[in-house]
Amino acid sequence: MQPTTALKMFQPTKRMMRPVPKEEHSAHTISQRLRTLKKIPPELIPLGIVVGVAVGFAGYSMARKLVVDKQMRLTRQNRKE
């Protein structure tokens, strides 16, 4: 006996019957994320540190320039409306 159309609507599809594959970027704990740091080649770690320090100094320099420099205009002046 073949299932009727009404019964087929309540059956899960073939795709839904299979288990969900494990995603690599699903919710990880901190220890799992620290374990993935071991996959980074050791020769790239000093490069990452140097780039991180350079980005930090660049951010500091830009922020200091915006705060300290009185000659820089951050807003328009003498607008004609």
PDB file of N, CA and C in Angstrom:
ATOM      1  N   MET A   1       0.835  -1.171   0.000  1.00  0.00           N
ATOM      2  CA  MET A   1       0.000   0.000   0.000  1.00  0.00           C
ATOM      3  C   MET A   1       0.890   1.248   0.000  1.00  0.00           C
ATOM      4  N   GLN A   2       0.642   2.141  -0.902  1.00  0.00           N
ATOM      5  CA  GLN A   2       1.429   3.362  -1.046  1.00  0.00           C
ATOM      6  C   GLN A   2       0.888   4.441  -0.105  1.00  0.00           C
ATOM      7  N   PRO A   3       1.781   5.265   0.484  1.00  0.00           N
ATOM      8  CA  PRO A   3       1.284   6.345   1.344  1.00  0.00           C
ATOM      9  C   PRO A   3       0.574   7.408   0.508  1.00  0.00           C
ATOM     10  N   THR A   4      -0.442   7.957   1.078  1.00  0.00           N
ATOM     11  CA  THR A   4      -1.197   8.985   0.373  1.00  0.00           C
ATOM     12  C   THR A   4      -0.466  10.316   0.452  1.00  0.00           C
ATOM     13  N   THR A   5      -0.916  11.269  -0.303  1.00  0.00           N
ATOM     14  CA  THR A   5      -0.294  12.595  -0.314  1.00  0.00           C
ATOM     15  C   THR A   5      -0.388  13.254   1.056  1.00  0.00           C
ATOM     16  N   ALA A   6      -1.483  13.039   1.747  1.00  0.00           N
ATOM     17  CA  ALA A   6      -1.645  13.637   3.073  1.00  0.00           C
ATOM     18  C   ALA A   6      -0.626  13.069   4.051  1.00  0.00           C
ATOM     19  N   LEU A   7      -0.316  11.787   3.962  1.00  0.00           N
ATOM     20  CA  LEU A   7       0.677  11.195   4.862  1.00  0.00           C
ATOM     21  C   LEU A   7       2.093  11.625   4.494  1.00  0.00           C
ATOM     22  N   LYS A   8       2.352  11.850   3.216  1.00  0.00           N
ATOM     23  CA  LYS A   8       3.689  12.266   2.793  1.00  0.00           C
ATOM     24  C   LYS A   8       4.048  13.645   3.345  1.00  0.00           C
ATOM     25  N   MET A   9       3.052  14.479   3.585  1.00  0.00           N
ATOM     26  CA  MET A   9       3.338  15.822   4.090  1.00  0.00           C
ATOM     27  C   MET A   9       3.909  15.794   5.501  1.00  0.00           C
ATOM     28  N   PHE A  10       3.619  14.767   6.266  1.00  0.00           N
ATOM     29  CA  PHE A  10       4.076  14.711   7.654  1.00  0.00           C
ATOM     30  C   PHE A  10       5.342  13.890   7.827  1.00  0.00           C
ATOM     31  N   GLN A  11       5.919  13.387   6.745  1.00  0.00           N
ATOM     32  CA  GLN A  11       7.157  12.625   6.831  1.00  0.00           C
ATOM     33  C   GLN A  11       8.342  13.567   6.628  1.00  0.00           C
ATOM     34  N   PRO A  12       9.432  13.373   7.369  1.00  0.00           N
ATOM     35  CA  PRO A  12      10.606  14.221   7.155  1.00  0.00           C
ATOM     36  C   PRO A  12      11.232  13.917   5.799  1.00  0.00           C
ATOM     37  N   THR A  13      11.826  14.919   5.207  1.00  0.00           N
ATOM     38  CA  THR A  13      12.482  14.716   3.926  1.00  0.00           C
ATOM     39  C   THR A  13      13.750  13.914   4.129  1.00  0.00           C
ATOM     40  N   LYS A  14      14.293  13.391   3.040  1.00  0.00           N
ATOM     41  CA  LYS A  14      15.522  12.588   3.134  1.00  0.00           C
ATOM     42  C   LYS A  14      16.668  13.427   3.700  1.00  0.00           C
ATOM     43  N   ARG A  15      16.707  14.692   3.335  1.00  0.00           N
ATOM     44  CA  ARG A  15      17.775  15.568   3.812  1.00  0.00           C
ATOM     45  C   ARG A  15      17.682  15.753   5.322  1.00  0.00           C
ATOM     46  N   MET A  16      16.469  15.850   5.855  1.00  0.00           N
ATOM     47  CA  MET A  16      16.297  16.085   7.286  1.00  0.00           C
ATOM     48  C   MET A  16      16.538  14.821   8.107  1.00  0.00           C
ATOM     49  N   MET A  17      16.523  13.672   7.476  1.00  0.00           N
ATOM     50  CA  MET A  17      16.720  12.429   8.215  1.00  0.00           C
ATOM     51  C   MET A  17      18.199  12.187   8.515  1.00  0.00           C
ATOM     52  N   ARG A  18      19.098  12.796   7.732  1.00  0.00           N
ATOM     53  CA  ARG A  18      20.530  12.629   7.972  1.00  0.00           C
ATOM     54  C   ARG A  18      20.976  13.521   9.127  1.00  0.00           C
ATOM     55  N   PRO A  19      22.016  13.125   9.867  1.00  0.00           N
ATOM     56  CA  PRO A  19      22.498  13.994  10.952  1.00  0.00           C
ATOM     57  C   PRO A  19      23.140  15.254  10.376  1.00  0.00           C
ATOM     58  N   VAL A  20      23.080  16.312  11.141  1.00  0.00           N
ATOM     59  CA  VAL A  20      23.643  17.590  10.723  1.00  0.00           C
ATOM     60  C   VAL A  20      25.159  17.492  10.797  1.00  0.00           C
ATOM     61  N   PRO A  21      25.877  17.878   9.729  1.00  0.00           N
ATOM     62  CA  PRO A  21      27.338  17.808   9.791  1.00  0.00           C
ATOM     63  C   PRO A  21      27.895  18.812  10.794  1.00  0.00           C
ATOM     64  N   LYS A  22      28.992  18.434  11.427  1.00  0.00           N
ATOM     65  CA  LYS A  22      29.623  19.289  12.431  1.00  0.00           C
ATOM     66  C   LYS A  22      30.299  20.461  11.729  1.00  0.00           C
ATOM     67  N   GLU A  23      29.901  21.667  12.082  1.00  0.00           N
ATOM     68  CA  GLU A  23      30.496  22.866  11.501  1.00  0.00           C
ATOM     69  C   GLU A  23      31.772  23.207  12.237  1.00  0.00           C
ATOM     70  N   GLU A  24      32.767  23.662  11.486  1.00  0.00           N
ATOM     71  CA  GLU A  24      34.031  24.022  12.125  1.00  0.00           C
ATOM     72  C   GLU A  24      33.916  25.319  12.913  1.00  0.00           C
ATOM     73  N   HIS A  25      33.008  26.210  12.501  1.00  0.00           N
ATOM     74  CA  HIS A  25      32.891  27.508  13.158  1.00  0.00           C
ATOM     75  C   HIS A  25      31.664  27.586  14.058  1.00  0.00           C
ATOM     76  N   SER A  26      31.169  26.462  14.508  1.00  0.00           N
ATOM     77  CA  SER A  26      30.035  26.507  15.428  1.00  0.00           C
ATOM     78  C   SER A  26      30.536  26.979  16.796  1.00  0.00           C
ATOM     79  N   ALA A  27      29.639  27.098  17.741  1.00  0.00           N
ATOM     80  CA  ALA A  27      29.980  27.676  19.043  1.00  0.00           C
ATOM     81  C   ALA A  27      31.053  26.842  19.742  1.00  0.00           C
ATOM     82  N   HIS A  28      32.232  27.427  19.895  1.00  0.00           N
ATOM     83  CA  HIS A  28      33.347  26.755  20.553  1.00  0.00           C
ATOM     84  C   HIS A  28      33.555  27.351  21.938  1.00  0.00           C
ATOM     85  N   THR A  29      34.096  26.535  22.801  1.00  0.00           N
ATOM     86  CA  THR A  29      34.495  27.051  24.103  1.00  0.00           C
ATOM     87  C   THR A  29      35.857  27.723  23.957  1.00  0.00           C
ATOM     88  N   ILE A  30      36.269  28.431  24.978  1.00  0.00           N
ATOM     89  CA  ILE A  30      37.551  29.138  24.916  1.00  0.00           C
ATOM     90  C   ILE A  30      38.699  28.150  24.774  1.00  0.00           C
ATOM     91  N   SER A  31      38.621  27.026  25.469  1.00  0.00           N
ATOM     92  CA  SER A  31      39.708  26.049  25.370  1.00  0.00           C
ATOM     93  C   SER A  31      39.800  25.463  23.966  1.00  0.00           C
ATOM     94  N   GLN A  32      38.656  25.294  23.298  1.00  0.00           N
ATOM     95  CA  GLN A  32      38.698  24.804  21.923  1.00  0.00           C
ATOM     96  C   GLN A  32      39.326  25.839  21.005  1.00  0.00           C
ATOM     97  N   ARG A  33      39.040  27.109  21.249  1.00  0.00           N
ATOM     98  CA  ARG A  33      39.642  28.154  20.415  1.00  0.00           C
ATOM     99  C   ARG A  33      41.146  28.250  20.666  1.00  0.00           C
ATOM    100  N   LEU A  34      41.577  28.045  21.912  1.00  0.00           N
ATOM    101  CA  LEU A  34      43.008  28.081  22.199  1.00  0.00           C
ATOM    102  C   LEU A  34      43.723  26.915  21.533  1.00  0.00           C
ATOM    103  N   ARG A  35      43.054  25.771  21.436  1.00  0.00           N
ATOM    104  CA  ARG A  35      43.655  24.625  20.756  1.00  0.00           C
ATOM    105  C   ARG A  35      43.855  24.904  19.272  1.00  0.00           C
ATOM    106  N   THR A  36      42.978  25.713  18.672  1.00  0.00           N
ATOM    107  CA  THR A  36      43.143  26.017  17.250  1.00  0.00           C
ATOM    108  C   THR A  36      44.336  26.939  17.014  1.00  0.00           C
ATOM    109  N   LEU A  37      44.792  27.668  18.042  1.00  0.00           N
ATOM    110  CA  LEU A  37      45.982  28.503  17.884  1.00  0.00           C
ATOM    111  C   LEU A  37      47.225  27.657  17.633  1.00  0.00           C
ATOM    112  N   LYS A  38      47.201  26.413  18.062  1.00  0.00           N
ATOM    113  CA  LYS A  38      48.347  25.535  17.842  1.00  0.00           C
ATOM    114  C   LYS A  38      48.499  25.170  16.374  1.00  0.00           C
ATOM    115  N   LYS A  39      47.452  25.380  15.582  1.00  0.00           N
ATOM    116  CA  LYS A  39      47.534  25.079  14.150  1.00  0.00           C
ATOM    117  C   LYS A  39      48.285  26.163  13.384  1.00  0.00           C
ATOM    118  N   ILE A  40      48.485  27.335  14.001  1.00  0.00           N
ATOM    119  CA  ILE A  40      49.210  28.423  13.344  1.00  0.00           C
ATOM    120  C   ILE A  40      50.693  28.067  13.324  1.00  0.00           C
ATOM    121  N   PRO A  41      51.342  28.191  12.157  1.00  0.00           N
ATOM    122  CA  PRO A  41      52.783  27.901  12.111  1.00  0.00           C
ATOM    123  C   PRO A  41      53.554  28.837  13.038  1.00  0.00           C
ATOM    124  N   PRO A  42      54.526  28.322  13.774  1.00  0.00           N
ATOM    125  CA  PRO A  42      55.235  29.148  14.765  1.00  0.00           C
ATOM    126  C   PRO A  42      55.995  30.319  14.156  1.00  0.00           C
ATOM    127  N   GLU A  43      56.385  30.222  12.886  1.00  0.00           N
ATOM    128  CA  GLU A  43      57.129  31.332  12.291  1.00  0.00           C
ATOM    129  C   GLU A  43      56.234  32.534  11.986  1.00  0.00           C
ATOM    130  N   LEU A  44      54.913  32.365  12.042  1.00  0.00           N
ATOM    131  CA  LEU A  44      54.005  33.484  11.790  1.00  0.00           C
ATOM    132  C   LEU A  44      53.650  34.256  13.062  1.00  0.00           C
ATOM    133  N   ILE A  45      53.935  33.702  14.219  1.00  0.00           N
ATOM    134  CA  ILE A  45      53.582  34.363  15.478  1.00  0.00           C
ATOM    135  C   ILE A  45      54.343  35.682  15.665  1.00  0.00           C
ATOM    136  N   PRO A  46      55.672  35.745  15.435  1.00  0.00           N
ATOM    137  CA  PRO A  46      56.354  37.049  15.557  1.00  0.00           C
ATOM    138  C   PRO A  46      55.820  38.080  14.564  1.00  0.00           C
ATOM    139  N   LEU A  47      55.478  37.641  13.361  1.00  0.00           N
ATOM    140  CA  LEU A  47      54.908  38.553  12.372  1.00  0.00           C
ATOM    141  C   LEU A  47      53.573  39.110  12.865  1.00  0.00           C
ATOM    142  N   GLY A  48      52.753  38.268  13.468  1.00  0.00           N
ATOM    143  CA  GLY A  48      51.476  38.721  14.014  1.00  0.00           C
ATOM    144  C   GLY A  48      51.665  39.719  15.140  1.00  0.00           C
ATOM    145  N   ILE A  49      52.669  39.488  15.973  1.00  0.00           N
ATOM    146  CA  ILE A  49      52.943  40.415  17.079  1.00  0.00           C
ATOM    147  C   ILE A  49      53.379  41.772  16.535  1.00  0.00           C
ATOM    148  N   VAL A  50      54.273  41.762  15.540  1.00  0.00           N
ATOM    149  CA  VAL A  50      54.760  43.018  14.958  1.00  0.00           C
ATOM    150  C   VAL A  50      53.618  43.778  14.294  1.00  0.00           C
ATOM    151  N   VAL A  51      52.774  43.085  13.547  1.00  0.00           N
ATOM    152  CA  VAL A  51      51.644  43.744  12.884  1.00  0.00           C
ATOM    153  C   VAL A  51      50.666  44.284  13.927  1.00  0.00           C
ATOM    154  N   GLY A  52      50.427  43.523  14.994  1.00  0.00           N
ATOM    155  CA  GLY A  52      49.531  43.986  16.052  1.00  0.00           C
ATOM    156  C   GLY A  52      50.049  45.237  16.739  1.00  0.00           C
ATOM    157  N   VAL A  53      51.350  45.280  17.022  1.00  0.00           N
ATOM    158  CA  VAL A  53      51.944  46.463  17.648  1.00  0.00           C
ATOM    159  C   VAL A  53      51.866  47.659  16.698  1.00  0.00           C
ATOM    160  N   ALA A  54      52.126  47.426  15.411  1.00  0.00           N
ATOM    161  CA  ALA A  54      52.064  48.521  14.432  1.00  0.00           C
ATOM    162  C   ALA A  54      50.648  49.082  14.326  1.00  0.00           C
ATOM    163  N   VAL A  55      49.646  48.221  14.313  1.00  0.00           N
ATOM    164  CA  VAL A  55      48.254  48.687  14.247  1.00  0.00           C
ATOM    165  C   VAL A  55      47.894  49.443  15.522  1.00  0.00           C
ATOM    166  N   GLY A  56      48.383  48.972  16.666  1.00  0.00           N
ATOM    167  CA  GLY A  56      48.134  49.668  17.927  1.00  0.00           C
ATOM    168  C   GLY A  56      48.743  51.063  17.941  1.00  0.00           C
ATOM    169  N   PHE A  57      50.002  51.182  17.500  1.00  0.00           N
ATOM    170  CA  PHE A  57      50.642  52.496  17.442  1.00  0.00           C
ATOM    171  C   PHE A  57      49.951  53.413  16.441  1.00  0.00           C
ATOM    172  N   ALA A  58      49.502  52.865  15.318  1.00  0.00           N
ATOM    173  CA  ALA A  58      48.802  53.689  14.325  1.00  0.00           C
ATOM    174  C   ALA A  58      47.495  54.229  14.906  1.00  0.00           C
ATOM    175  N   GLY A  59      46.760  53.397  15.618  1.00  0.00           N
ATOM    176  CA  GLY A  59      45.522  53.854  16.255  1.00  0.00           C
ATOM    177  C   GLY A  59      45.783  54.918  17.302  1.00  0.00           C
ATOM    178  N   TYR A  60      46.821  54.705  18.105  1.00  0.00           N
ATOM    179  CA  TYR A  60      47.191  55.701  19.120  1.00  0.00           C
ATOM    180  C   TYR A  60      47.581  57.022  18.467  1.00  0.00           C
ATOM    181  N   SER A  61      48.376  56.949  17.399  1.00  0.00           N
ATOM    182  CA  SER A  61      48.834  58.156  16.721  1.00  0.00           C
ATOM    183  C   SER A  61      47.664  58.923  16.114  1.00  0.00           C
ATOM    184  N   MET A  62      46.731  58.226  15.493  1.00  0.00           N
ATOM    185  CA  MET A  62      45.566  58.887  14.901  1.00  0.00           C
ATOM    186  C   MET A  62      44.694  59.524  15.972  1.00  0.00           C
ATOM    187  N   ALA A  63      44.452  58.805  17.062  1.00  0.00           N
ATOM    188  CA  ALA A  63      43.613  59.339  18.136  1.00  0.00           C
ATOM    189  C   ALA A  63      44.270  60.561  18.768  1.00  0.00           C
ATOM    190  N   ARG A  64      45.569  60.494  18.976  1.00  0.00           N
ATOM    191  CA  ARG A  64      46.283  61.624  19.579  1.00  0.00           C
ATOM    192  C   ARG A  64      46.258  62.835  18.654  1.00  0.00           C
ATOM    193  N   LYS A  65      46.411  62.601  17.350  1.00  0.00           N
ATOM    194  CA  LYS A  65      46.367  63.703  16.376  1.00  0.00           C
ATOM    195  C   LYS A  65      45.007  64.384  16.393  1.00  0.00           C
ATOM    196  N   LEU A  66      43.939  63.615  16.497  1.00  0.00           N
ATOM    197  CA  LEU A  66      42.598  64.196  16.525  1.00  0.00           C
ATOM    198  C   LEU A  66      42.350  65.000  17.798  1.00  0.00           C
ATOM    199  N   VAL A  67      42.934  64.581  18.905  1.00  0.00           N
ATOM    200  CA  VAL A  67      42.683  65.242  20.183  1.00  0.00           C
ATOM    201  C   VAL A  67      43.603  66.450  20.382  1.00  0.00           C
ATOM    202  N   VAL A  68      44.872  66.335  20.027  1.00  0.00           N
ATOM    203  CA  VAL A  68      45.867  67.346  20.373  1.00  0.00           C
ATOM    204  C   VAL A  68      45.955  68.471  19.344  1.00  0.00           C
ATOM    205  N   ASP A  69      45.858  68.170  18.053  1.00  0.00           N
ATOM    206  CA  ASP A  69      46.095  69.166  17.002  1.00  0.00           C
ATOM    207  C   ASP A  69      44.961  70.183  16.952  1.00  0.00           C
ATOM    208  N   LYS A  70      45.287  71.447  17.270  1.00  0.00           N
ATOM    209  CA  LYS A  70      44.274  72.500  17.273  1.00  0.00           C
ATOM    210  C   LYS A  70      44.066  73.092  15.877  1.00  0.00           C
ATOM    211  N   GLN A  71      44.992  72.869  14.966  1.00  0.00           N
ATOM    212  CA  GLN A  71      44.876  73.403  13.611  1.00  0.00           C
ATOM    213  C   GLN A  71      43.903  72.598  12.748  1.00  0.00           C
ATOM    214  N   MET A  72      43.669  71.369  13.126  1.00  0.00           N
ATOM    215  CA  MET A  72      42.799  70.508  12.335  1.00  0.00           C
ATOM    216  C   MET A  72      41.340  70.880  12.566  1.00  0.00           C
ATOM    217  N   ARG A  73      40.599  71.061  11.473  1.00  0.00           N
ATOM    218  CA  ARG A  73      39.175  71.373  11.582  1.00  0.00           C
ATOM    219  C   ARG A  73      38.389  70.083  11.432  1.00  0.00           C
ATOM    220  N   LEU A  74      37.612  69.747  12.419  1.00  0.00           N
ATOM    221  CA  LEU A  74      36.795  68.542  12.368  1.00  0.00           C
ATOM    222  C   LEU A  74      35.370  68.837  11.939  1.00  0.00           C
ATOM    223  N   THR A  75      34.976  70.118  11.969  1.00  0.00           N
ATOM    224  CA  THR A  75      33.641  70.519  11.524  1.00  0.00           C
ATOM    225  C   THR A  75      33.781  71.688  10.563  1.00  0.00           C
ATOM    226  N   ARG A  76      32.769  71.904   9.757  1.00  0.00           N
ATOM    227  CA  ARG A  76      32.775  73.031   8.828  1.00  0.00           C
ATOM    228  C   ARG A  76      32.584  74.341   9.587  1.00  0.00           C
ATOM    229  N   GLN A  77      33.203  75.383   9.073  1.00  0.00           N
ATOM    230  CA  GLN A  77      33.047  76.702   9.675  1.00  0.00           C
ATOM    231  C   GLN A  77      32.521  77.670   8.623  1.00  0.00           C
ATOM    232  N   ASN A  78      31.837  78.705   9.080  1.00  0.00           N
ATOM    233  CA  ASN A  78      31.303  79.757   8.209  1.00  0.00           C
ATOM    234  C   ASN A  78      30.396  79.187   7.125  1.00  0.00           C
ATOM    235  N   ARG A  79      29.472  78.395   7.520  1.00  0.00           N
ATOM    236  CA  ARG A  79      28.508  77.856   6.558  1.00  0.00           C
ATOM    237  C   ARG A  79      27.540  78.939   6.126  1.00  0.00           C
ATOM    238  N   LYS A  80      27.190  78.955   4.863  1.00  0.00           N
ATOM    239  CA  LYS A  80      26.153  79.862   4.367  1.00  0.00           C
ATOM    240  C   LYS A  80      24.886  79.045   4.188  1.00  0.00           C
ATOM    241  N   GLU A  81      23.857  79.405   4.929  1.00  0.00           N
ATOM    242  CA  GLU A  81      22.610  78.640   4.856  1.00  0.00           C
ATOM    243  C   GLU A  81      21.537  79.415   4.162  1.00  0.00           C
TER     244      GLU A  81
END
